[in-house]
């Protein structure tokens, strides 16, 4: 049951604002702008509810040589017109599993107040993220994204779907080999086989990007779309993949769109659009996220061992 649905007391609702929720971040918007918009909306909705009444103080007035009066008045030092609204941005602590660059859109997992502790656990686990990345053959820019200055153009008519699939398979194999090297085992050994049958592995260092799968899901020259499953990624790394793909195919390619469609347990269907970034919808979304976490609680509390297989996680999100 939603606390917000039956309670109009802002103090009770504020105390219940401890958890995680999922939003959809639009492209071309800075992370700090997104964060500030969320907090401002929460402040506004809480201040529109029944808030703590103005504090009072006791005053003793009158001539000292006569009977004095004890009067209770409202304190101007606690008047919202003097000190501002009851709930202000500084009353909220909001963190995310990933600081999303303005060029990236999609699923963003947020934690508020005590929910930040859970966000930290998710970050330590290095959850797998699913991306759909669009590219454009025939041009290269100075920042690897379509918003940059075009520095080179080339032909792309010789590129076929089979060429992209073959290259993606090669890139995936290269990353899989890298994972075994990080484990310190020979890819041809029995140990490597035992690791492989247990499922994907995660790196001990959260600064090392790892790609689990990469494949082309759409090819309409000069445009194409890749689906990438990875961890520890960052926006420039994903853009570089598109750039390198173009070079390997004896052409050029520029990234035009990066969408995160799933972050760990949470997918794009569960994410709140910006028009639903209000207290009521966020509270409902927090409850949905908590049920999902309770159902897969074992995932977040596993021992954070270096390069430990994460097959249980893959099973939970598939």
Protein backbone atom coordinates (compact mmCIF):
# COMPACT_ATOMS: atom_id res chain seq x y z
CA UNK A 1 0.00 0.00 0.00
CA UNK A 2 1.32 3.48 -0.83
CA UNK A 3 1.99 5.78 2.11
CA UNK A 4 1.29 8.73 -0.17
CA UNK A 5 -2.19 7.43 -1.06
CA UNK A 6 -3.61 7.55 2.47
CA UNK A 7 -1.49 10.16 4.24
CA UNK A 8 -1.46 13.91 3.68
CA UNK A 9 1.12 14.65 6.35
CA UNK A 10 4.34 15.72 4.69
CA UNK A 11 6.42 14.59 7.67
CA UNK A 12 5.26 10.98 7.35
CA UNK A 13 5.73 10.93 3.60
CA UNK A 14 9.23 12.40 3.90
CA UNK A 15 10.20 9.67 6.36
CA UNK A 16 9.03 7.09 3.81
CA UNK A 17 11.25 8.58 1.08
CA UNK A 18 14.06 6.09 1.58
CA UNK A 19 14.68 3.76 -1.31
CA UNK A 20 15.48 3.57 -5.00
CA UNK A 21 13.47 4.41 -8.09
CA UNK A 22 14.04 4.32 -11.85
CA UNK A 23 13.69 7.21 -14.27
CA UNK A 24 14.18 7.71 -17.99
CA UNK A 25 16.73 10.43 -18.67
CA UNK A 26 16.23 12.25 -21.95
CA UNK A 27 19.16 13.04 -24.25
CA UNK A 28 20.83 16.47 -24.38
CA UNK A 29 20.11 17.07 -20.69
CA UNK A 30 22.89 17.35 -18.14
CA UNK A 31 22.93 14.98 -15.19
CA UNK A 32 22.91 17.84 -12.63
CA UNK A 33 19.84 19.34 -14.34
CA UNK A 34 18.04 16.00 -14.08
CA UNK A 35 19.00 15.64 -10.41
CA UNK A 36 17.90 19.19 -9.57
CA UNK A 37 14.56 18.74 -11.37
CA UNK A 38 13.79 15.59 -9.35
CA UNK A 39 14.61 17.23 -6.03
CA UNK A 40 12.70 20.43 -6.84
CA UNK A 41 9.60 18.41 -7.79
CA UNK A 42 9.76 16.46 -4.51
CA UNK A 43 10.14 19.68 -2.54
CA UNK A 44 7.17 21.27 -4.28
CA UNK A 45 4.86 18.28 -3.74
CA UNK A 46 5.81 17.91 -0.08
CA UNK A 47 5.30 21.63 0.57
CA UNK A 48 1.85 21.40 -1.04
CA UNK A 49 0.86 18.84 1.61
CA UNK A 50 0.11 19.45 5.27
CA UNK A 51 3.44 20.57 6.75
CA UNK A 52 4.63 21.21 10.27
CA UNK A 53 2.78 24.18 11.81
CA UNK A 54 4.64 27.34 12.70
CA UNK A 55 6.38 27.14 16.07
CA UNK A 56 5.23 29.40 18.89
CA UNK A 57 7.03 31.24 21.65
CA UNK A 58 6.04 32.60 25.06
CA UNK A 59 6.20 36.37 25.63
CA UNK A 60 5.74 38.17 28.95
CA UNK A 61 4.48 41.71 28.44
CA UNK A 62 3.32 44.63 30.53
CA UNK A 63 4.62 47.14 33.08
CA UNK A 64 6.95 45.63 35.62
CA UNK A 65 5.15 47.40 38.48
CA UNK A 66 1.83 45.85 37.49
CA UNK A 67 0.51 42.40 36.72
CA UNK A 68 2.23 41.18 33.56
CA UNK A 69 0.60 39.11 30.83
CA UNK A 70 1.84 35.80 29.43
CA UNK A 71 1.14 35.69 25.70
CA UNK A 72 1.81 32.89 23.21
CA UNK A 73 2.67 34.11 19.73
CA UNK A 74 3.80 32.52 16.47
CA UNK A 75 7.54 32.79 15.96
CA UNK A 76 8.64 34.90 13.01
CA UNK A 77 11.92 32.96 13.10
CA UNK A 78 9.94 29.90 11.97
CA UNK A 79 7.72 31.61 9.40
CA UNK A 80 8.00 30.12 5.87
CA UNK A 81 7.84 33.67 4.50
CA UNK A 82 11.04 34.41 6.42
CA UNK A 83 13.05 31.18 6.28
CA UNK A 84 11.57 29.70 3.11
CA UNK A 85 9.47 26.54 2.47
CA UNK A 86 9.52 23.70 5.00
CA UNK A 87 11.21 21.30 2.56
CA UNK A 88 14.20 22.51 0.60
CA UNK A 89 16.71 20.82 -1.76
CA UNK A 90 19.27 20.45 1.03
CA UNK A 91 16.87 18.07 2.82
CA UNK A 92 17.40 15.40 0.13
CA UNK A 93 20.37 13.19 -0.67
CA UNK A 94 20.07 11.74 -4.14
CA UNK A 95 22.61 9.43 -5.80
CA UNK A 96 22.60 7.25 -8.90
CA UNK A 97 24.33 4.06 -10.01
CA UNK A 98 25.92 6.03 -12.85
CA UNK A 99 26.46 9.69 -13.74
CA UNK A 100 24.94 9.83 -17.20
CA UNK A 101 26.49 12.19 -19.74
CA UNK A 102 24.23 14.58 -21.65
CA UNK A 103 24.67 12.54 -24.86
CA UNK A 104 23.34 9.39 -23.17
CA UNK A 105 19.69 8.65 -22.45
CA UNK A 106 17.72 5.82 -20.94
CA UNK A 107 17.41 4.00 -17.64
CA UNK A 108 18.85 5.77 -14.61
CA UNK A 109 18.60 4.11 -11.18
CA UNK A 110 18.33 6.69 -8.39
CA UNK A 111 18.57 6.36 -4.63
CA UNK A 112 17.14 8.90 -2.22
CA UNK A 113 18.17 9.49 1.40
CA UNK A 114 18.83 6.07 3.01
CA UNK A 115 18.36 4.49 -0.41
CA UNK A 116 21.86 5.73 -1.24
CA UNK A 117 23.26 2.82 0.77
CA UNK A 118 21.56 0.40 -1.60
CA UNK A 119 22.86 2.37 -4.59
CA UNK A 120 26.38 1.89 -3.26
CA UNK A 121 25.84 -1.88 -3.00
CA UNK A 122 24.60 -1.98 -6.59
CA UNK A 123 27.65 0.00 -7.76
CA UNK A 124 30.01 -2.33 -5.91
CA UNK A 125 28.38 -5.31 -7.60
CA UNK A 126 29.11 -3.78 -11.03
CA UNK A 127 25.77 -4.65 -12.58
CA UNK A 128 25.44 -5.41 -16.27
CA UNK A 129 23.93 -2.73 -18.51
CA UNK A 130 22.24 -3.15 -21.87
CA UNK A 131 22.64 -0.46 -24.51
CA UNK A 132 21.29 0.27 -27.96
CA UNK A 133 23.79 2.43 -29.81
CA UNK A 134 23.10 4.00 -33.20
CA UNK A 135 25.82 4.94 -35.65
CA UNK A 136 26.22 6.63 -39.00
CA UNK A 137 28.70 5.44 -41.63
CA UNK A 138 30.54 7.84 -43.91
CA UNK A 139 31.73 10.53 -41.52
CA UNK A 140 33.95 11.08 -38.48
CA UNK A 141 33.76 13.93 -35.96
CA UNK A 142 36.23 15.37 -33.48
CA UNK A 143 34.29 14.08 -30.43
CA UNK A 144 33.07 10.75 -31.91
CA UNK A 145 29.45 12.00 -31.66
CA UNK A 146 27.23 13.53 -34.31
CA UNK A 147 27.17 16.88 -32.47
CA UNK A 148 30.90 17.36 -33.09
CA UNK A 149 32.71 18.96 -36.00
CA UNK A 150 33.03 16.73 -39.06
CA UNK A 151 36.71 16.11 -39.71
CA UNK A 152 36.55 13.34 -42.32
CA UNK A 153 34.16 11.80 -44.83
CA UNK A 154 34.39 8.50 -46.64
CA UNK A 155 32.45 5.99 -48.75
CA UNK A 156 30.37 3.31 -47.10
CA UNK A 157 28.57 1.55 -49.96
CA UNK A 158 30.99 -1.40 -49.78
CA UNK A 159 29.87 -2.24 -46.21
CA UNK A 160 27.45 -5.16 -45.93
CA UNK A 161 25.54 -6.58 -42.97
CA UNK A 162 27.76 -9.65 -42.94
CA UNK A 163 30.86 -7.49 -42.56
CA UNK A 164 29.43 -5.85 -39.43
CA UNK A 165 28.33 -9.15 -37.92
CA UNK A 166 31.76 -10.68 -38.48
CA UNK A 167 33.53 -7.71 -36.91
CA UNK A 168 31.17 -7.62 -33.92
CA UNK A 169 31.83 -11.32 -33.34
CA UNK A 170 35.56 -10.66 -33.45
CA UNK A 171 35.29 -7.79 -30.98
CA UNK A 172 33.21 -9.91 -28.62
CA UNK A 173 35.74 -12.75 -28.77
CA UNK A 174 38.55 -10.30 -28.05
CA UNK A 175 36.81 -9.07 -24.90
CA UNK A 176 36.07 -12.60 -23.75
CA UNK A 177 39.76 -13.43 -24.12
CA UNK A 178 40.60 -10.30 -22.13
CA UNK A 179 38.33 -11.45 -19.28
CA UNK A 180 40.21 -14.74 -18.98
CA UNK A 181 43.53 -12.92 -19.07
CA UNK A 182 42.35 -10.76 -16.17
CA UNK A 183 41.55 -13.98 -14.34
CA UNK A 184 45.14 -15.08 -14.87
CA UNK A 185 44.14 -18.32 -16.60
CA UNK A 186 44.90 -19.74 -20.02
CA UNK A 187 41.85 -19.61 -22.28
CA UNK A 188 42.62 -23.17 -23.43
CA UNK A 189 42.84 -24.58 -19.89
CA UNK A 190 40.35 -26.57 -17.84
CA UNK A 191 40.08 -23.68 -15.39
CA UNK A 192 38.96 -21.39 -18.19
CA UNK A 193 36.31 -23.92 -19.22
CA UNK A 194 34.99 -24.18 -15.66
CA UNK A 195 34.74 -20.40 -15.46
CA UNK A 196 32.98 -20.23 -18.82
CA UNK A 197 30.28 -22.76 -17.97
CA UNK A 198 29.43 -20.85 -14.79
CA UNK A 199 28.48 -17.74 -16.78
CA UNK A 200 29.92 -14.26 -17.39
CA UNK A 201 32.56 -12.95 -15.02
CA UNK A 202 33.05 -9.46 -13.66
CA UNK A 203 36.34 -7.58 -13.33
CA UNK A 204 37.94 -6.89 -9.97
CA UNK A 205 38.71 -3.31 -11.02
CA UNK A 206 35.66 -1.16 -11.67
CA UNK A 207 37.70 1.02 -14.05
CA UNK A 208 38.05 -1.78 -16.60
CA UNK A 209 35.22 -1.79 -19.19
CA UNK A 210 34.11 -5.27 -20.20
CA UNK A 211 31.83 -6.17 -23.12
CA UNK A 212 29.87 -9.41 -22.79
CA UNK A 213 27.99 -9.31 -26.07
CA UNK A 214 27.93 -7.00 -29.07
CA UNK A 215 25.74 -7.51 -32.12
CA UNK A 216 24.15 -5.57 -34.93
CA UNK A 217 20.36 -5.47 -34.61
CA UNK A 218 19.60 -3.10 -37.49
CA UNK A 219 21.39 -2.10 -40.69
CA UNK A 220 19.88 0.53 -42.97
CA UNK A 221 22.86 2.17 -44.72
CA UNK A 222 24.29 4.56 -43.76
CA UNK A 223 22.63 4.04 -40.37
CA UNK A 224 23.08 1.01 -38.12
CA UNK A 225 22.28 -0.04 -34.55
CA UNK A 226 24.35 -2.12 -32.15
CA UNK A 227 23.14 -3.85 -29.00
CA UNK A 228 25.89 -4.00 -26.38
CA UNK A 229 25.85 -5.74 -22.99
CA UNK A 230 28.67 -4.48 -20.79
CA UNK A 231 29.84 -3.27 -17.39
CA UNK A 232 32.11 -0.45 -16.18
CA UNK A 233 31.45 1.39 -19.44
CA UNK A 234 31.43 5.15 -19.98
CA UNK A 235 30.06 7.26 -22.79
CA UNK A 236 33.35 7.96 -24.59
CA UNK A 237 34.21 4.27 -24.53
CA UNK A 238 30.91 3.40 -26.24
CA UNK A 239 31.42 6.15 -28.82
CA UNK A 240 34.92 4.85 -29.51
CA UNK A 241 33.50 1.41 -30.32
CA UNK A 242 31.45 2.95 -33.14
CA UNK A 243 34.46 4.90 -34.35
CA UNK A 244 36.70 1.83 -34.37
CA UNK A 245 34.01 -0.18 -36.15
CA UNK A 246 34.05 2.31 -39.01
CA UNK A 247 37.84 2.24 -39.29
CA UNK A 248 37.95 -1.58 -39.29
CA UNK A 249 35.42 -1.56 -42.14
CA UNK A 250 37.64 0.81 -44.18
CA UNK A 251 35.29 3.74 -43.72
CA UNK A 252 34.28 6.11 -40.94
CA UNK A 253 31.46 5.98 -38.41
CA UNK A 254 30.01 8.42 -35.91
CA UNK A 255 27.79 7.65 -32.95
CA UNK A 256 24.37 9.31 -33.17
CA UNK A 257 22.52 7.91 -30.15
CA UNK A 258 23.24 5.98 -26.94
CA UNK A 259 20.28 4.53 -25.04
CA UNK A 260 20.57 2.47 -21.86
CA UNK A 261 17.63 0.04 -22.05
CA UNK A 262 18.44 -1.90 -18.88
CA UNK A 263 20.55 -1.31 -15.79
CA UNK A 264 20.90 -4.44 -13.70
CA UNK A 265 17.44 -5.55 -12.59
CA UNK A 266 15.68 -2.48 -13.95
CA UNK A 267 14.57 -2.05 -17.55
CA UNK A 268 13.19 0.77 -19.63
CA UNK A 269 9.54 -0.28 -19.12
CA UNK A 270 9.87 0.46 -15.39
CA UNK A 271 11.46 3.89 -15.85
CA UNK A 272 9.48 7.08 -15.17
CA UNK A 273 9.25 9.64 -17.95
CA UNK A 274 9.93 13.26 -16.99
CA UNK A 275 6.21 14.09 -16.90
CA UNK A 276 5.83 11.55 -14.07
CA UNK A 277 8.66 12.92 -11.92
CA UNK A 278 6.38 13.77 -9.01
CA UNK A 279 6.05 12.56 -5.44
CA UNK A 280 3.14 10.21 -6.07
CA UNK A 281 4.69 8.40 -9.04
CA UNK A 282 8.12 8.21 -7.43
CA UNK A 283 6.63 6.64 -4.29
CA UNK A 284 4.84 4.02 -6.40
CA UNK A 285 8.01 3.35 -8.38
CA UNK A 286 10.01 2.95 -5.15
CA UNK A 287 7.62 0.24 -3.99
CA UNK A 288 7.90 -1.56 -7.32
CA UNK A 289 11.70 -1.44 -7.15
CA UNK A 290 11.72 -2.69 -3.57
CA UNK A 291 9.61 -5.72 -4.51
CA UNK A 292 12.00 -6.50 -7.35
CA UNK A 293 15.01 -6.19 -5.02
CA UNK A 294 13.38 -8.36 -2.35
CA UNK A 295 12.75 -11.01 -4.97
CA UNK A 296 16.41 -10.96 -6.07
CA UNK A 297 18.02 -9.93 -2.80
CA UNK A 298 20.71 -12.62 -3.06
CA UNK A 299 22.18 -10.77 -6.04
CA UNK A 300 23.07 -7.63 -4.09
CA UNK A 301 24.54 -9.36 -1.07
CA UNK A 302 26.90 -11.82 -2.71
CA UNK A 303 30.53 -11.67 -1.73
CA UNK A 304 32.27 -9.13 -3.95
CA UNK A 305 35.06 -11.42 -5.06
CA UNK A 306 37.40 -10.49 -7.87
CA UNK A 307 36.26 -11.82 -11.23
CA UNK A 308 33.50 -13.87 -9.67
CA UNK A 309 31.02 -15.53 -12.06
CA UNK A 310 27.69 -13.70 -12.18
CA UNK A 311 25.48 -16.33 -13.77
CA UNK A 312 22.78 -15.81 -11.09
CA UNK A 313 22.53 -12.18 -12.12
CA UNK A 314 22.21 -13.03 -15.78
CA UNK A 315 19.46 -15.53 -14.99
CA UNK A 316 17.55 -12.93 -12.96
CA UNK A 317 17.55 -10.29 -15.69
CA UNK A 318 16.92 -12.59 -18.64
